[in-house]
Amino acid sequence: MKYKKVEKIYNSFKKEEFIEYFSKIGYENSKDLYVGDGWQVTVGDEGIRQFKGFSLPSVKLTIMVREDISDQFMRELMVSFLKGGG
């Protein structure tokens, strides 16, 4: 099977939120590396991003996912980390 590499930066989420999510759907293989069936994710360090006077937490995810499950995996990740505002 072929794998696809995706690097994605999430703003306004804390590192602990990603650790909790990936721990539920997989397991921690080593520090900040989570593994599941057909995927592995490295959760980067939490930083701060300035946006129009606001300080937001920022976390980079490095994702290796099997091509045949990549669309579903990325969709489930996106839905799990949607935030509404108003």
C-alpha atoms as a PDB file:
ATOM      1  CA  MET A   1       0.000   0.000   0.000  1.00  0.00           C
ATOM      2  CA  LYS A   2       1.073   3.552  -0.697  1.00  0.00           C
ATOM      3  CA  TYR A   3       1.145   6.185   2.014  1.00  0.00           C
ATOM      4  CA  LYS A   4       0.476   9.891   1.768  1.00  0.00           C
ATOM      5  CA  LYS A   5       2.222  12.543   3.885  1.00  0.00           C
ATOM      6  CA  VAL A   6       0.181  15.525   5.056  1.00  0.00           C
ATOM      7  CA  GLU A   7       1.468  18.393   7.186  1.00  0.00           C
ATOM      8  CA  LYS A   8      -1.271  20.481   8.725  1.00  0.00           C
ATOM      9  CA  ILE A   9      -1.194  23.378  11.185  1.00  0.00           C
ATOM     10  CA  TYR A  10      -4.166  23.804  13.495  1.00  0.00           C
ATOM     11  CA  ASN A  11      -4.757  27.116  15.247  1.00  0.00           C
ATOM     12  CA  SER A  12      -6.897  27.617  18.367  1.00  0.00           C
ATOM     13  CA  PHE A  13      -6.441  24.031  19.595  1.00  0.00           C
ATOM     14  CA  LYS A  14      -4.088  22.915  22.347  1.00  0.00           C
ATOM     15  CA  LYS A  15      -1.613  20.061  21.964  1.00  0.00           C
ATOM     16  CA  GLU A  16      -3.396  18.125  24.735  1.00  0.00           C
ATOM     17  CA  GLU A  17      -6.581  18.038  22.632  1.00  0.00           C
ATOM     18  CA  PHE A  18      -4.761  16.238  19.807  1.00  0.00           C
ATOM     19  CA  ILE A  19      -3.034  13.865  22.225  1.00  0.00           C
ATOM     20  CA  GLU A  20      -6.415  12.960  23.727  1.00  0.00           C
ATOM     21  CA  TYR A  21      -8.003  12.443  20.276  1.00  0.00           C
ATOM     22  CA  PHE A  22      -5.221  10.272  18.831  1.00  0.00           C
ATOM     23  CA  SER A  23      -4.940   8.267  22.076  1.00  0.00           C
ATOM     24  CA  LYS A  24      -8.617   7.333  21.689  1.00  0.00           C
ATOM     25  CA  ILE A  25      -8.350   6.158  18.066  1.00  0.00           C
ATOM     26  CA  GLY A  26      -4.820   4.703  18.259  1.00  0.00           C
ATOM     27  CA  TYR A  27      -1.944   4.368  20.707  1.00  0.00           C
ATOM     28  CA  GLU A  28       1.218   6.266  21.594  1.00  0.00           C
ATOM     29  CA  ASN A  29       4.201   4.532  19.973  1.00  0.00           C
ATOM     30  CA  SER A  30       6.785   6.988  21.284  1.00  0.00           C
ATOM     31  CA  LYS A  31       6.747  10.554  22.569  1.00  0.00           C
ATOM     32  CA  ASP A  32       4.264  12.534  20.453  1.00  0.00           C
ATOM     33  CA  LEU A  33       3.937   9.726  17.843  1.00  0.00           C
ATOM     34  CA  TYR A  34       0.518   8.075  17.617  1.00  0.00           C
ATOM     35  CA  VAL A  35      -0.212   5.007  15.496  1.00  0.00           C
ATOM     36  CA  GLY A  36      -3.383   3.320  14.290  1.00  0.00           C
ATOM     37  CA  ASP A  37      -4.514   0.986  11.519  1.00  0.00           C
ATOM     38  CA  GLY A  38      -3.030   2.529   8.356  1.00  0.00           C
ATOM     39  CA  TRP A  39      -1.879   5.821   9.863  1.00  0.00           C
ATOM     40  CA  GLN A  40       0.623   7.519  12.146  1.00  0.00           C
ATOM     41  CA  VAL A  41       0.653  11.098  13.398  1.00  0.00           C
ATOM     42  CA  THR A  42       3.392  13.157  14.993  1.00  0.00           C
ATOM     43  CA  VAL A  43       1.954  15.906  17.199  1.00  0.00           C
ATOM     44  CA  GLY A  44       4.322  18.874  17.150  1.00  0.00           C
ATOM     45  CA  ASP A  45       5.067  21.299  19.943  1.00  0.00           C
ATOM     46  CA  GLU A  46       2.460  23.893  20.816  1.00  0.00           C
ATOM     47  CA  GLY A  47       3.305  27.423  19.777  1.00  0.00           C
ATOM     48  CA  ILE A  48       1.502  30.756  19.815  1.00  0.00           C
ATOM     49  CA  ARG A  49       0.220  32.510  16.701  1.00  0.00           C
ATOM     50  CA  GLN A  50      -0.797  36.157  16.710  1.00  0.00           C
ATOM     51  CA  PHE A  51      -3.962  36.881  14.750  1.00  0.00           C
ATOM     52  CA  LYS A  52      -5.473  40.384  14.741  1.00  0.00           C
ATOM     53  CA  GLY A  53      -4.487  41.066  18.329  1.00  0.00           C
ATOM     54  CA  PHE A  54      -5.360  37.580  19.589  1.00  0.00           C
ATOM     55  CA  SER A  55      -2.876  34.979  20.782  1.00  0.00           C
ATOM     56  CA  LEU A  56      -3.900  31.526  19.581  1.00  0.00           C
ATOM     57  CA  PRO A  57      -2.297  28.165  20.334  1.00  0.00           C
ATOM     58  CA  SER A  58      -0.904  26.527  17.203  1.00  0.00           C
ATOM     59  CA  VAL A  59       0.027  22.866  16.671  1.00  0.00           C
ATOM     60  CA  LYS A  60       1.573  21.193  13.616  1.00  0.00           C
ATOM     61  CA  LEU A  61       0.527  17.632  12.781  1.00  0.00           C
ATOM     62  CA  THR A  62       2.630  15.448  10.498  1.00  0.00           C
ATOM     63  CA  ILE A  63       0.380  12.692   9.189  1.00  0.00           C
ATOM     64  CA  MET A  64       1.336   9.540   7.289  1.00  0.00           C
ATOM     65  CA  VAL A  65      -1.814   7.786   6.121  1.00  0.00           C
ATOM     66  CA  ARG A  66      -2.540   4.968   3.693  1.00  0.00           C
ATOM     67  CA  GLU A  67      -3.930   6.401   0.465  1.00  0.00           C
ATOM     68  CA  ASP A  68      -6.998   4.143   0.495  1.00  0.00           C
ATOM     69  CA  ILE A  69      -8.163   5.551   3.860  1.00  0.00           C
ATOM     70  CA  SER A  70      -6.748   9.090   3.642  1.00  0.00           C
ATOM     71  CA  ASP A  71      -9.991  10.852   2.644  1.00  0.00           C
ATOM     72  CA  GLN A  72     -11.986   9.261   5.462  1.00  0.00           C
ATOM     73  CA  PHE A  73      -9.205   9.783   8.030  1.00  0.00           C
ATOM     74  CA  MET A  74      -8.798  13.474   7.147  1.00  0.00           C
ATOM     75  CA  ARG A  75     -12.580  14.041   7.093  1.00  0.00           C
ATOM     76  CA  GLU A  76     -12.990  12.497  10.571  1.00  0.00           C
ATOM     77  CA  LEU A  77     -10.083  14.582  11.878  1.00  0.00           C
ATOM     78  CA  MET A  78     -11.581  17.756  10.413  1.00  0.00           C
ATOM     79  CA  VAL A  79     -15.034  17.066  11.889  1.00  0.00           C
ATOM     80  CA  SER A  80     -13.524  16.311  15.306  1.00  0.00           C
ATOM     81  CA  PHE A  81     -11.785  19.696  15.363  1.00  0.00           C
ATOM     82  CA  LEU A  82     -14.466  21.995  13.960  1.00  0.00           C
ATOM     83  CA  LYS A  83     -15.274  25.056  16.023  1.00  0.00           C
ATOM     84  CA  GLY A  84     -18.221  27.335  15.544  1.00  0.00           C
ATOM     85  CA  GLY A  85     -18.125  30.986  16.368  1.00  0.00           C
ATOM     86  CA  GLY A  86     -20.548  33.765  16.469  1.00  0.00           C
END
